[in-house]
Amino acid sequence: MKNIKMESNLNKLSKLASALLIFSVSGNVLAQQASTGKLAAEPGFAGAAIAAIGFNHTDDQFSTDDDNKMWDGQNNKGNSHTEFNLLPLVNLTYTFNSLQDQIFFGVTRENYYLGRIAAPELGYRHIFDNKTVAQISVFDSFSIYKTWKNPFLTGQDRSKTDDTYKGITGKLDNIYNSGIGITFIAGKRDVDKEQSPNPSIMSRDSNFYYTELSYLTKLNEDLTFRVGGNYTKNNADGSARSFNRYALNATLGTNFASGTIASTIMYASTNYDDKIDVVNLPNKKEKDNTYGINLNYTYPNLFGVKKLFGSVNLDYKYNSSNIDFYEYSSLGGFFGIGYSF
C-alpha cells in the first residue's frame, strides 16, 4: 500500500480507489477511539455498502483506456481522455465483546488520501488500555489494477495486463494516547507477462517497503488534523525502475453543512537508481515531483433516511518529471450513495 509511483498505480490510483474513499477509519473515528478506549460502541458486525459513479480525466501514458493504446514513439505525455465507471462496494468489521478487538475487511480512505495502494485488506486490530491501537493486515489487489505489457511498444496498440500488489501492513496509532502513529508496509509487485525492453534495466516487478511517521490531533470539538512523512524503497528487477521516495501529507477534517468535509494535500519527491534504456526516450535517471490535493464531503441521513449517506469526492494530482513520457496530470472524482449497518 500505496505513496509510491509504480508507473502511475501508486501516485495516481485507479478509478476503483476513488470510490473506496468513504470506507475509512477517519480522524474523527480515531479520535473517538482515543477518548473511549473502545474500537466500537457495541460488539458484532458493522459496515457499509455503496454504489458510486466515478470519473477520471488524465494524460498518463500508463492509463490503459482504449483512447491511450497507441504510443507515437515520442517523449511525450499520453493521450488526454476521460473514463467513467460504476462500482458497488462493501466494507465490514466484526468487534468482539471486549470492544477492544476487531476483525476488518475493506479499503480505507487513508490509503487513497496518502497515495498508498488502495487494495482489499483483511486484518485484525486491538486497542490497549493506554489507548494505543495496534493493527496488522494482509492486502492483495487481485486484478484491480491494469498496466501495459510493454508501455514502449510503437506502431501498434499496446496490450493491457494485470498489475498486482500484495503484502502485509503493520500499524501503531495513537501510541500511548499521544496521537503519534507508525506504519510499515512490505509488499511485492508483479506485472503479469511483463514485456518491457531490457529487463535488467526496465523490468517493473519489485519488492517495496514503506514507512510512515504521523501525528493526529483534534484541534477543537469539530476540527481534526493529521500530518505525516513517509519513505518508500522500491527494489525492482530493473535497475532503472528502482527508486527512493520521500513524501509529506496533511489532512484537515471538520463538520460542514450538516456533514463532514476532509481535505488532504501531499507532495512527494522520487529519485530512480539508474538511467532509462528505451529507444526514443532520454538516457537519464528519472526524477519526479508529485503534487496532489483531495477533497471529500460526506452527508449523513441522506433524504432523511437514517443510515443512508452520500459522498462526493474530487482528487487532483500532477506529476512533474524530467522525462516527459512519465509526466502527467489527473482529475478524478465520484458521487456515491451508501448504507451503513
C-alpha atoms as a PDB file:
ATOM      1  CA  MET A   1       0.000   0.000   0.000  1.00  0.00           C
ATOM      2  CA  LYS A   2       0.302   2.977  -1.804  1.00  0.00           C
ATOM      3  CA  ASN A   3       2.697   6.678  -1.770  1.00  0.00           C
ATOM      4  CA  ILE A   4       4.735   5.073  -4.487  1.00  0.00           C
ATOM      5  CA  LYS A   5       4.998   5.904  -8.175  1.00  0.00           C
ATOM      6  CA  MET A   6       4.962   2.462  -9.759  1.00  0.00           C
ATOM      7  CA  GLU A   7       4.084   3.527 -13.306  1.00  0.00           C
ATOM      8  CA  SER A   8       1.059   5.503 -12.041  1.00  0.00           C
ATOM      9  CA  ASN A   9      -0.714   2.927  -9.881  1.00  0.00           C
ATOM     10  CA  LEU A  10       0.591   4.325  -6.615  1.00  0.00           C
ATOM     11  CA  ASN A  11       0.805   8.076  -7.142  1.00  0.00           C
ATOM     12  CA  LYS A  12      -2.298   8.133  -9.329  1.00  0.00           C
ATOM     13  CA  LEU A  13      -4.584   5.431  -8.016  1.00  0.00           C
ATOM     14  CA  SER A  14      -7.040   3.716 -10.256  1.00  0.00           C
ATOM     15  CA  LYS A  15     -10.681   4.595 -10.646  1.00  0.00           C
ATOM     16  CA  LEU A  16     -11.622   1.891  -8.131  1.00  0.00           C
ATOM     17  CA  ALA A  17      -9.655   3.617  -5.401  1.00  0.00           C
ATOM     18  CA  SER A  18     -11.666   6.800  -5.823  1.00  0.00           C
ATOM     19  CA  ALA A  19     -14.912   5.172  -4.840  1.00  0.00           C
ATOM     20  CA  LEU A  20     -13.367   3.461  -1.833  1.00  0.00           C
ATOM     21  CA  LEU A  21     -12.728   6.762  -0.074  1.00  0.00           C
ATOM     22  CA  ILE A  22     -15.686   6.752   2.266  1.00  0.00           C
ATOM     23  CA  PHE A  23     -14.872   3.370   3.786  1.00  0.00           C
ATOM     24  CA  SER A  24     -12.474   4.680   6.358  1.00  0.00           C
ATOM     25  CA  VAL A  25     -11.229   4.711   9.877  1.00  0.00           C
ATOM     26  CA  SER A  26     -11.230   8.508   9.734  1.00  0.00           C
ATOM     27  CA  GLY A  27      -9.550  11.012  12.006  1.00  0.00           C
ATOM     28  CA  ASN A  28     -12.830  11.545  13.846  1.00  0.00           C
ATOM     29  CA  VAL A  29     -13.211   7.817  14.463  1.00  0.00           C
ATOM     30  CA  LEU A  30      -9.646   7.506  15.726  1.00  0.00           C
ATOM     31  CA  ALA A  31     -10.196  10.475  17.998  1.00  0.00           C
ATOM     32  CA  GLN A  32     -13.360   8.840  19.335  1.00  0.00           C
ATOM     33  CA  GLN A  33     -11.429   5.623  19.990  1.00  0.00           C
ATOM     34  CA  ALA A  34      -8.825   7.644  21.857  1.00  0.00           C
ATOM     35  CA  SER A  35     -11.450   9.191  24.108  1.00  0.00           C
ATOM     36  CA  THR A  36     -13.414   5.976  24.821  1.00  0.00           C
ATOM     37  CA  GLY A  37     -10.677   3.337  24.675  1.00  0.00           C
ATOM     38  CA  LYS A  38     -13.031   1.173  22.568  1.00  0.00           C
ATOM     39  CA  LEU A  39     -12.973   0.210  18.882  1.00  0.00           C
ATOM     40  CA  ALA A  40     -16.768   0.366  18.532  1.00  0.00           C
ATOM     41  CA  ALA A  41     -19.864   1.303  20.509  1.00  0.00           C
ATOM     42  CA  GLU A  42     -21.151  -2.290  20.576  1.00  0.00           C
ATOM     43  CA  PRO A  43     -19.973  -5.796  19.620  1.00  0.00           C
ATOM     44  CA  GLY A  44     -20.890  -7.597  16.414  1.00  0.00           C
ATOM     45  CA  PHE A  45     -20.894  -6.876  12.715  1.00  0.00           C
ATOM     46  CA  ALA A  46     -20.888  -3.381  11.238  1.00  0.00           C
ATOM     47  CA  GLY A  47     -20.063  -1.934   7.862  1.00  0.00           C
ATOM     48  CA  ALA A  48     -21.313  -0.122   4.818  1.00  0.00           C
ATOM     49  CA  ALA A  49     -22.346  -0.797   1.229  1.00  0.00           C
ATOM     50  CA  ILE A  50     -22.182   1.803  -1.513  1.00  0.00           C
ATOM     51  CA  ALA A  51     -22.853   2.332  -5.211  1.00  0.00           C
ATOM     52  CA  ALA A  52     -20.624   5.008  -6.733  1.00  0.00           C
ATOM     53  CA  ILE A  53     -20.263   6.690 -10.120  1.00  0.00           C
ATOM     54  CA  GLY A  54     -16.702   7.846 -10.739  1.00  0.00           C
ATOM     55  CA  PHE A  55     -14.672   9.607 -13.419  1.00  0.00           C
ATOM     56  CA  ASN A  56     -11.002  10.189 -14.171  1.00  0.00           C
ATOM     57  CA  HIS A  57      -9.544  12.614 -16.727  1.00  0.00           C
ATOM     58  CA  THR A  58      -5.823  12.132 -17.362  1.00  0.00           C
ATOM     59  CA  ASP A  59      -2.976  12.199 -19.864  1.00  0.00           C
ATOM     60  CA  ASP A  60      -0.966   9.459 -18.142  1.00  0.00           C
ATOM     61  CA  GLN A  61       0.927   7.153 -20.532  1.00  0.00           C
ATOM     62  CA  PHE A  62       0.185   4.228 -18.210  1.00  0.00           C
ATOM     63  CA  SER A  63      -3.588   4.649 -18.219  1.00  0.00           C
ATOM     64  CA  THR A  64      -4.971   1.586 -20.027  1.00  0.00           C
ATOM     65  CA  ASP A  65      -8.009   3.303 -21.537  1.00  0.00           C
ATOM     66  CA  ASP A  66      -8.709   2.403 -25.182  1.00  0.00           C
ATOM     67  CA  ASP A  67      -8.027   6.008 -26.214  1.00  0.00           C
ATOM     68  CA  ASN A  68      -4.464   5.644 -24.906  1.00  0.00           C
ATOM     69  CA  LYS A  69      -3.470   2.343 -26.558  1.00  0.00           C
ATOM     70  CA  MET A  70      -1.152   3.804 -29.186  1.00  0.00           C
ATOM     71  CA  TRP A  71       2.205   5.454 -28.399  1.00  0.00           C
ATOM     72  CA  ASP A  72       3.745   7.536 -31.190  1.00  0.00           C
ATOM     73  CA  GLY A  73       7.293   6.804 -30.047  1.00  0.00           C
ATOM     74  CA  GLN A  74       7.919  10.363 -28.908  1.00  0.00           C
ATOM     75  CA  ASN A  75       9.000  11.588 -25.474  1.00  0.00           C
ATOM     76  CA  ASN A  76       5.592  12.988 -24.547  1.00  0.00           C
ATOM     77  CA  LYS A  77       2.533  12.508 -22.339  1.00  0.00           C
ATOM     78  CA  GLY A  78      -0.269  10.099 -23.122  1.00  0.00           C
ATOM     79  CA  ASN A  79      -3.487  10.953 -24.955  1.00  0.00           C
ATOM     80  CA  SER A  80      -5.832  13.035 -22.811  1.00  0.00           C
ATOM     81  CA  HIS A  81      -9.031  11.086 -22.108  1.00  0.00           C
ATOM     82  CA  THR A  82     -11.853  10.642 -19.591  1.00  0.00           C
ATOM     83  CA  GLU A  83     -13.158   7.411 -18.057  1.00  0.00           C
ATOM     84  CA  PHE A  84     -16.450   6.781 -16.245  1.00  0.00           C
ATOM     85  CA  ASN A  85     -17.328   3.778 -14.097  1.00  0.00           C
ATOM     86  CA  LEU A  86     -19.966   2.335 -11.790  1.00  0.00           C
ATOM     87  CA  LEU A  87     -18.784   0.479  -8.680  1.00  0.00           C
ATOM     88  CA  PRO A  88     -20.668  -1.438  -5.968  1.00  0.00           C
ATOM     89  CA  LEU A  89     -18.571  -1.786  -2.783  1.00  0.00           C
ATOM     90  CA  VAL A  90     -18.771  -3.335   0.693  1.00  0.00           C
ATOM     91  CA  ASN A  91     -16.795  -2.788   3.916  1.00  0.00           C
ATOM     92  CA  LEU A  92     -17.125  -4.968   7.032  1.00  0.00           C
ATOM     93  CA  THR A  93     -15.905  -5.123  10.641  1.00  0.00           C
ATOM     94  CA  TYR A  94     -16.592  -7.557  13.459  1.00  0.00           C
ATOM     95  CA  THR A  95     -15.983  -6.297  17.009  1.00  0.00           C
ATOM     96  CA  PHE A  96     -15.642  -8.780  19.867  1.00  0.00           C
ATOM     97  CA  ASN A  97     -17.433  -8.452  23.221  1.00  0.00           C
ATOM     98  CA  SER A  98     -14.470  -6.728  24.860  1.00  0.00           C
ATOM     99  CA  LEU A  99     -14.840  -3.862  22.334  1.00  0.00           C
ATOM    100  CA  GLN A 100     -11.033  -3.869  22.225  1.00  0.00           C
ATOM    101  CA  ASP A 101     -10.569  -6.460  19.469  1.00  0.00           C
ATOM    102  CA  GLN A 102     -11.790  -6.245  15.891  1.00  0.00           C
ATOM    103  CA  ILE A 103     -11.508  -8.042  12.559  1.00  0.00           C
ATOM    104  CA  PHE A 104     -11.926  -5.891   9.453  1.00  0.00           C
ATOM    105  CA  PHE A 105     -12.154  -6.201   5.689  1.00  0.00           C
ATOM    106  CA  GLY A 106     -12.167  -3.410   3.122  1.00  0.00           C
ATOM    107  CA  VAL A 107     -10.180  -0.494   1.759  1.00  0.00           C
ATOM    108  CA  THR A 108      -9.560   2.592   3.902  1.00  0.00           C
ATOM    109  CA  ARG A 109      -9.889   6.216   2.834  1.00  0.00           C
ATOM    110  CA  GLU A 110      -6.493   6.863   4.407  1.00  0.00           C
ATOM    111  CA  ASN A 111      -4.721   4.715   1.814  1.00  0.00           C
ATOM    112  CA  TYR A 112      -6.265   6.676  -1.030  1.00  0.00           C
ATOM    113  CA  TYR A 113      -5.646  10.104   0.515  1.00  0.00           C
ATOM    114  CA  LEU A 114      -1.989   9.305   1.132  1.00  0.00           C
ATOM    115  CA  GLY A 115      -1.330   7.680  -2.233  1.00  0.00           C
ATOM    116  CA  ARG A 116      -0.803   4.165  -0.950  1.00  0.00           C
ATOM    117  CA  ILE A 117      -2.068   1.106  -2.765  1.00  0.00           C
ATOM    118  CA  ALA A 118      -5.844   1.001  -2.408  1.00  0.00           C
ATOM    119  CA  ALA A 119      -6.362  -2.762  -2.233  1.00  0.00           C
ATOM    120  CA  PRO A 120      -8.702  -5.005  -0.225  1.00  0.00           C
ATOM    121  CA  GLU A 121      -7.305  -5.686   3.257  1.00  0.00           C
ATOM    122  CA  LEU A 122      -8.110  -8.384   5.783  1.00  0.00           C
ATOM    123  CA  GLY A 123      -6.804  -7.675   9.235  1.00  0.00           C
ATOM    124  CA  TYR A 124      -7.036  -7.518  12.996  1.00  0.00           C
ATOM    125  CA  ARG A 125      -6.769  -4.556  15.342  1.00  0.00           C
ATOM    126  CA  HIS A 126      -6.599  -4.199  19.128  1.00  0.00           C
ATOM    127  CA  ILE A 127      -6.819  -1.146  21.367  1.00  0.00           C
ATOM    128  CA  PHE A 128      -4.774  -1.324  24.567  1.00  0.00           C
ATOM    129  CA  ASP A 129      -5.732   0.203  27.905  1.00  0.00           C
ATOM    130  CA  ASN A 130      -3.232   3.009  27.196  1.00  0.00           C
ATOM    131  CA  LYS A 131      -5.316   3.730  24.031  1.00  0.00           C
ATOM    132  CA  THR A 132      -2.632   2.588  21.578  1.00  0.00           C
ATOM    133  CA  VAL A 133      -4.288   0.944  18.555  1.00  0.00           C
ATOM    134  CA  ALA A 134      -2.276  -1.915  17.030  1.00  0.00           C
ATOM    135  CA  GLN A 135      -3.186  -3.316  13.632  1.00  0.00           C
ATOM    136  CA  ILE A 136      -1.863  -5.994  11.305  1.00  0.00           C
ATOM    137  CA  SER A 137      -3.324  -6.880   7.915  1.00  0.00           C
ATOM    138  CA  VAL A 138      -2.639  -8.518   4.583  1.00  0.00           C
ATOM    139  CA  PHE A 139      -3.629  -6.978   1.259  1.00  0.00           C
ATOM    140  CA  ASP A 140      -3.955  -8.189  -2.321  1.00  0.00           C
ATOM    141  CA  SER A 141      -5.050  -6.057  -5.269  1.00  0.00           C
ATOM    142  CA  PHE A 142      -6.021  -9.173  -7.291  1.00  0.00           C
ATOM    143  CA  SER A 143      -6.971  -7.878 -10.784  1.00  0.00           C
ATOM    144  CA  ILE A 144      -7.969  -4.335  -9.774  1.00  0.00           C
ATOM    145  CA  TYR A 145      -5.016  -2.587 -11.399  1.00  0.00           C
ATOM    146  CA  LYS A 146      -4.014  -2.766 -15.058  1.00  0.00           C
ATOM    147  CA  THR A 147      -0.931  -1.623 -16.948  1.00  0.00           C
ATOM    148  CA  TRP A 148       0.632  -2.148 -20.375  1.00  0.00           C
ATOM    149  CA  LYS A 149       2.584  -5.355 -21.019  1.00  0.00           C
ATOM    150  CA  ASN A 150       5.079  -3.213 -22.935  1.00  0.00           C
ATOM    151  CA  PRO A 151       4.500   0.526 -22.338  1.00  0.00           C
ATOM    152  CA  PHE A 152       7.085   1.408 -25.011  1.00  0.00           C
ATOM    153  CA  LEU A 153       5.555  -0.507 -27.932  1.00  0.00           C
ATOM    154  CA  THR A 154       5.240   1.605 -31.100  1.00  0.00           C
ATOM    155  CA  GLY A 155       3.449   1.089 -34.403  1.00  0.00           C
ATOM    156  CA  GLN A 156       0.617  -0.975 -32.880  1.00  0.00           C
ATOM    157  CA  ASP A 157      -1.796  -0.971 -29.962  1.00  0.00           C
ATOM    158  CA  ARG A 158      -0.366  -1.677 -26.527  1.00  0.00           C
ATOM    159  CA  SER A 159      -1.893  -4.654 -24.676  1.00  0.00           C
ATOM    160  CA  LYS A 160      -3.065  -4.384 -21.063  1.00  0.00           C
ATOM    161  CA  THR A 161      -2.240  -6.853 -18.306  1.00  0.00           C
ATOM    162  CA  ASP A 162      -2.767  -7.334 -14.568  1.00  0.00           C
ATOM    163  CA  ASP A 163      -0.603  -5.228 -12.253  1.00  0.00           C
ATOM    164  CA  THR A 164      -0.782  -6.965  -8.873  1.00  0.00           C
ATOM    165  CA  TYR A 165       0.279  -5.757  -5.438  1.00  0.00           C
ATOM    166  CA  LYS A 166       0.245  -7.891  -2.310  1.00  0.00           C
ATOM    167  CA  GLY A 167       1.855  -7.673   1.085  1.00  0.00           C
ATOM    168  CA  ILE A 168       1.482  -7.034   4.795  1.00  0.00           C
ATOM    169  CA  THR A 169       0.817  -3.882   6.831  1.00  0.00           C
ATOM    170  CA  GLY A 170       1.650  -3.221  10.477  1.00  0.00           C
ATOM    171  CA  LYS A 171       0.435  -0.086  12.294  1.00  0.00           C
ATOM    172  CA  LEU A 172       0.514   1.540  15.694  1.00  0.00           C
ATOM    173  CA  ASP A 173      -1.855   4.509  16.056  1.00  0.00           C
ATOM    174  CA  ASN A 174      -2.219   6.965  18.944  1.00  0.00           C
ATOM    175  CA  ILE A 175       0.798   5.474  20.725  1.00  0.00           C
ATOM    176  CA  TYR A 176       0.287   5.929  24.481  1.00  0.00           C
ATOM    177  CA  ASN A 177      -2.558   8.345  23.704  1.00  0.00           C
ATOM    178  CA  SER A 178      -0.095  10.774  22.089  1.00  0.00           C
ATOM    179  CA  GLY A 179      -1.621  10.968  18.605  1.00  0.00           C
ATOM    180  CA  ILE A 180       1.635   9.631  17.126  1.00  0.00           C
ATOM    181  CA  GLY A 181       1.384   6.765  14.653  1.00  0.00           C
ATOM    182  CA  ILE A 182       3.810   4.479  12.844  1.00  0.00           C
ATOM    183  CA  THR A 183       3.034   2.465   9.701  1.00  0.00           C
ATOM    184  CA  PHE A 184       5.187  -0.158   7.994  1.00  0.00           C
ATOM    185  CA  ILE A 185       4.294  -1.906   4.742  1.00  0.00           C
ATOM    186  CA  ALA A 186       6.222  -4.639   2.944  1.00  0.00           C
ATOM    187  CA  GLY A 187       4.937  -5.865  -0.378  1.00  0.00           C
ATOM    188  CA  LYS A 188       5.552  -7.274  -3.800  1.00  0.00           C
ATOM    189  CA  ARG A 189       4.551  -6.032  -7.239  1.00  0.00           C
ATOM    190  CA  ASP A 190       4.020  -8.437 -10.141  1.00  0.00           C
ATOM    191  CA  VAL A 191       3.328  -7.272 -13.698  1.00  0.00           C
ATOM    192  CA  ASP A 192       1.778 -10.270 -15.419  1.00  0.00           C
ATOM    193  CA  LYS A 193       3.538 -11.103 -18.706  1.00  0.00           C
ATOM    194  CA  GLU A 194       5.956  -8.189 -18.287  1.00  0.00           C
ATOM    195  CA  GLN A 195       7.382  -7.288 -21.715  1.00  0.00           C
ATOM    196  CA  SER A 196       9.331  -4.091 -21.047  1.00  0.00           C
ATOM    197  CA  PRO A 197      12.562  -3.981 -23.115  1.00  0.00           C
ATOM    198  CA  ASN A 198      15.958  -4.547 -21.466  1.00  0.00           C
ATOM    199  CA  PRO A 199      14.510  -6.400 -18.437  1.00  0.00           C
ATOM    200  CA  SER A 200      17.609  -5.991 -16.261  1.00  0.00           C
ATOM    201  CA  ILE A 201      17.101  -2.218 -16.542  1.00  0.00           C
ATOM    202  CA  MET A 202      13.375  -1.679 -17.244  1.00  0.00           C
ATOM    203  CA  SER A 203      11.509  -4.580 -15.575  1.00  0.00           C
ATOM    204  CA  ARG A 204       8.855  -3.330 -13.133  1.00  0.00           C
ATOM    205  CA  ASP A 205       8.484  -6.446 -10.940  1.00  0.00           C
ATOM    206  CA  SER A 206       9.655  -5.433  -7.488  1.00  0.00           C
ATOM    207  CA  ASN A 207       9.660  -5.663  -3.707  1.00  0.00           C
ATOM    208  CA  PHE A 208       8.764  -2.450  -1.881  1.00  0.00           C
ATOM    209  CA  TYR A 209       8.980  -1.157   1.693  1.00  0.00           C
ATOM    210  CA  TYR A 210       7.083   1.812   3.099  1.00  0.00           C
ATOM    211  CA  THR A 211       7.476   3.534   6.472  1.00  0.00           C
ATOM    212  CA  GLU A 212       5.488   6.494   7.784  1.00  0.00           C
ATOM    213  CA  LEU A 213       5.521   8.569  10.942  1.00  0.00           C
ATOM    214  CA  SER A 214       2.302  10.533  11.545  1.00  0.00           C
ATOM    215  CA  TYR A 215       0.572  12.737  14.099  1.00  0.00           C
ATOM    216  CA  LEU A 216      -3.185  13.074  14.612  1.00  0.00           C
ATOM    217  CA  THR A 217      -4.907  15.568  16.885  1.00  0.00           C
ATOM    218  CA  LYS A 218      -8.268  17.212  17.495  1.00  0.00           C
ATOM    219  CA  LEU A 219      -7.805  20.981  17.293  1.00  0.00           C
ATOM    220  CA  ASN A 220     -11.260  21.527  18.747  1.00  0.00           C
ATOM    221  CA  GLU A 221     -14.586  19.700  19.030  1.00  0.00           C
ATOM    222  CA  ASP A 222     -15.137  19.756  15.258  1.00  0.00           C
ATOM    223  CA  LEU A 223     -11.672  20.050  13.724  1.00  0.00           C
ATOM    224  CA  THR A 224      -9.243  17.120  13.227  1.00  0.00           C
ATOM    225  CA  PHE A 225      -5.708  17.464  11.832  1.00  0.00           C
ATOM    226  CA  ARG A 226      -3.292  14.785  10.632  1.00  0.00           C
ATOM    227  CA  VAL A 227       0.247  15.263   9.277  1.00  0.00           C
ATOM    228  CA  GLY A 228       2.687  12.598   8.105  1.00  0.00           C
ATOM    229  CA  GLY A 229       6.029  11.978   6.470  1.00  0.00           C
ATOM    230  CA  ASN A 230       6.958   8.744   4.725  1.00  0.00           C
ATOM    231  CA  TYR A 231       9.756   6.960   2.914  1.00  0.00           C
ATOM    232  CA  THR A 232       9.467   4.249   0.258  1.00  0.00           C
ATOM    233  CA  LYS A 233      12.219   1.972  -1.007  1.00  0.00           C
ATOM    234  CA  ASN A 234      11.384   0.099  -4.206  1.00  0.00           C
ATOM    235  CA  ASN A 235      13.751  -2.694  -5.254  1.00  0.00           C
ATOM    236  CA  ALA A 236      12.795  -3.588  -8.833  1.00  0.00           C
ATOM    237  CA  ASP A 237      14.172  -6.307 -11.099  1.00  0.00           C
ATOM    238  CA  GLY A 238      15.067  -3.470 -13.476  1.00  0.00           C
ATOM    239  CA  SER A 239      17.678  -1.080 -12.069  1.00  0.00           C
ATOM    240  CA  ALA A 240      16.054   1.970 -13.718  1.00  0.00           C
ATOM    241  CA  ARG A 241      12.723   1.143 -12.008  1.00  0.00           C
ATOM    242  CA  SER A 242      14.204   1.007  -8.501  1.00  0.00           C
ATOM    243  CA  PHE A 243      13.771   4.194  -6.520  1.00  0.00           C
ATOM    244  CA  ASN A 244      13.784   6.103  -3.229  1.00  0.00           C
ATOM    245  CA  ARG A 245      10.794   8.255  -2.433  1.00  0.00           C
ATOM    246  CA  TYR A 246      10.162  10.875   0.276  1.00  0.00           C
ATOM    247  CA  ALA A 247       6.689  12.335   0.827  1.00  0.00           C
ATOM    248  CA  LEU A 248       4.737  14.696   3.092  1.00  0.00           C
ATOM    249  CA  ASN A 249       0.985  14.910   3.571  1.00  0.00           C
ATOM    250  CA  ALA A 250      -1.516  16.813   5.702  1.00  0.00           C
ATOM    251  CA  THR A 251      -5.255  16.248   6.203  1.00  0.00           C
ATOM    252  CA  LEU A 252      -7.799  18.558   7.815  1.00  0.00           C
ATOM    253  CA  GLY A 253     -11.288  17.308   8.650  1.00  0.00           C
ATOM    254  CA  THR A 254     -14.251  19.209  10.039  1.00  0.00           C
ATOM    255  CA  ASN A 255     -18.031  19.304  10.265  1.00  0.00           C
ATOM    256  CA  PHE A 256     -19.610  21.315   7.463  1.00  0.00           C
ATOM    257  CA  ALA A 257     -23.221  21.899   6.356  1.00  0.00           C
ATOM    258  CA  SER A 258     -24.599  19.026   8.459  1.00  0.00           C
ATOM    259  CA  GLY A 259     -21.922  16.674   7.103  1.00  0.00           C
ATOM    260  CA  THR A 260     -18.158  16.191   7.255  1.00  0.00           C
ATOM    261  CA  ILE A 261     -15.517  17.505   4.887  1.00  0.00           C
ATOM    262  CA  ALA A 262     -11.884  16.384   4.639  1.00  0.00           C
ATOM    263  CA  SER A 263      -9.106  17.978   2.589  1.00  0.00           C
ATOM    264  CA  THR A 264      -5.670  16.471   2.008  1.00  0.00           C
ATOM    265  CA  ILE A 265      -2.570  17.914   0.357  1.00  0.00           C
ATOM    266  CA  MET A 266       0.530  15.918  -0.485  1.00  0.00           C
ATOM    267  CA  TYR A 267       3.998  16.293  -2.006  1.00  0.00           C
ATOM    268  CA  ALA A 268       6.481  13.607  -2.999  1.00  0.00           C
ATOM    269  CA  SER A 269       9.984  13.507  -4.444  1.00  0.00           C
ATOM    270  CA  THR A 270      11.095  10.338  -6.262  1.00  0.00           C
ATOM    271  CA  ASN A 271      14.616   9.543  -7.494  1.00  0.00           C
ATOM    272  CA  TYR A 272      15.311   6.452  -9.599  1.00  0.00           C
ATOM    273  CA  ASP A 273      18.527   4.456  -9.340  1.00  0.00           C
ATOM    274  CA  ASP A 274      19.603   4.047 -12.973  1.00  0.00           C
ATOM    275  CA  LYS A 275      19.246   5.573 -16.435  1.00  0.00           C
ATOM    276  CA  ILE A 276      16.249   4.772 -18.659  1.00  0.00           C
ATOM    277  CA  ASP A 277      17.213   2.497 -21.568  1.00  0.00           C
ATOM    278  CA  VAL A 278      14.383   2.782 -24.113  1.00  0.00           C
ATOM    279  CA  VAL A 279      14.549   3.837 -27.765  1.00  0.00           C
ATOM    280  CA  ASN A 280      13.277   7.424 -28.249  1.00  0.00           C
ATOM    281  CA  LEU A 281      13.484   8.306 -24.551  1.00  0.00           C
ATOM    282  CA  PRO A 282      16.338  10.263 -22.890  1.00  0.00           C
ATOM    283  CA  ASN A 283      19.065   8.061 -21.457  1.00  0.00           C
ATOM    284  CA  LYS A 284      18.977   9.531 -17.949  1.00  0.00           C
ATOM    285  CA  LYS A 285      17.704   8.785 -14.462  1.00  0.00           C
ATOM    286  CA  GLU A 286      14.061   9.657 -13.894  1.00  0.00           C
ATOM    287  CA  LYS A 287      13.332  12.287 -11.231  1.00  0.00           C
ATOM    288  CA  ASP A 288       9.741  13.157 -10.266  1.00  0.00           C
ATOM    289  CA  ASN A 289       7.975  15.711  -8.101  1.00  0.00           C
ATOM    290  CA  THR A 290       4.327  14.923  -7.367  1.00  0.00           C
ATOM    291  CA  TYR A 291       1.697  17.318  -6.013  1.00  0.00           C
ATOM    292  CA  GLY A 292      -1.819  16.378  -5.001  1.00  0.00           C
ATOM    293  CA  ILE A 293      -4.991  17.635  -3.356  1.00  0.00           C
ATOM    294  CA  ASN A 294      -8.097  15.712  -2.355  1.00  0.00           C
ATOM    295  CA  LEU A 295     -11.491  16.968  -1.157  1.00  0.00           C
ATOM    296  CA  ASN A 296     -14.216  14.710   0.208  1.00  0.00           C
ATOM    297  CA  TYR A 297     -17.656  15.597   1.571  1.00  0.00           C
ATOM    298  CA  THR A 298     -19.920  13.059   3.272  1.00  0.00           C
ATOM    299  CA  TYR A 299     -23.534  13.819   4.186  1.00  0.00           C
ATOM    300  CA  PRO A 300     -25.367  11.525   6.648  1.00  0.00           C
ATOM    301  CA  ASN A 301     -29.107  10.750   6.783  1.00  0.00           C
ATOM    302  CA  LEU A 302     -29.483  11.381   3.065  1.00  0.00           C
ATOM    303  CA  PHE A 303     -33.079  12.172   2.012  1.00  0.00           C
ATOM    304  CA  GLY A 304     -33.976  11.940   5.692  1.00  0.00           C
ATOM    305  CA  VAL A 305     -33.233   8.213   5.775  1.00  0.00           C
ATOM    306  CA  LYS A 306     -31.276   7.095   8.834  1.00  0.00           C
ATOM    307  CA  LYS A 307     -28.003   5.279   7.948  1.00  0.00           C
ATOM    308  CA  LEU A 308     -28.226   6.342   4.295  1.00  0.00           C
ATOM    309  CA  PHE A 309     -25.377   8.668   3.316  1.00  0.00           C
ATOM    310  CA  GLY A 310     -23.987  10.453   0.298  1.00  0.00           C
ATOM    311  CA  SER A 311     -20.366  11.243  -0.509  1.00  0.00           C
ATOM    312  CA  VAL A 312     -18.735  13.471  -3.118  1.00  0.00           C
ATOM    313  CA  ASN A 313     -15.011  13.449  -3.884  1.00  0.00           C
ATOM    314  CA  LEU A 314     -12.582  15.391  -6.063  1.00  0.00           C
ATOM    315  CA  ASP A 315      -8.915  14.482  -6.473  1.00  0.00           C
ATOM    316  CA  TYR A 316      -6.185  16.229  -8.473  1.00  0.00           C
ATOM    317  CA  LYS A 317      -2.588  15.102  -8.998  1.00  0.00           C
ATOM    318  CA  TYR A 318       0.254  16.497 -11.065  1.00  0.00           C
ATOM    319  CA  ASN A 319       3.466  14.571 -11.620  1.00  0.00           C
ATOM    320  CA  SER A 320       6.346  16.697 -12.903  1.00  0.00           C
ATOM    321  CA  SER A 321       9.145  14.587 -14.395  1.00  0.00           C
ATOM    322  CA  ASN A 322      12.479  15.281 -16.085  1.00  0.00           C
ATOM    323  CA  ILE A 323      11.342  12.743 -18.728  1.00  0.00           C
ATOM    324  CA  ASP A 324       8.145  13.927 -20.443  1.00  0.00           C
ATOM    325  CA  PHE A 325       6.922  10.360 -21.023  1.00  0.00           C
ATOM    326  CA  TYR A 326       6.412   9.996 -17.252  1.00  0.00           C
ATOM    327  CA  GLU A 327       4.771  13.391 -16.711  1.00  0.00           C
ATOM    328  CA  TYR A 328       1.004  13.517 -16.211  1.00  0.00           C
ATOM    329  CA  SER A 329      -1.918  15.249 -14.545  1.00  0.00           C
ATOM    330  CA  SER A 330      -5.173  13.672 -13.431  1.00  0.00           C
ATOM    331  CA  LEU A 331      -8.510  14.968 -12.202  1.00  0.00           C
ATOM    332  CA  GLY A 332     -10.866  12.393 -10.750  1.00  0.00           C
ATOM    333  CA  GLY A 333     -13.928  12.218  -8.627  1.00  0.00           C
ATOM    334  CA  PHE A 334     -17.058  10.315  -7.688  1.00  0.00           C
ATOM    335  CA  PHE A 335     -20.522  10.555  -6.266  1.00  0.00           C
ATOM    336  CA  GLY A 336     -21.683   7.685  -4.110  1.00  0.00           C
ATOM    337  CA  ILE A 337     -24.768   6.725  -2.135  1.00  0.00           C
ATOM    338  CA  GLY A 338     -24.278   4.206   0.665  1.00  0.00           C
ATOM    339  CA  TYR A 339     -25.970   2.488   3.571  1.00  0.00           C
ATOM    340  CA  SER A 340     -24.238   1.828   6.884  1.00  0.00           C
ATOM    341  CA  PHE A 341     -25.234  -1.012   9.209  1.00  0.00           C
END
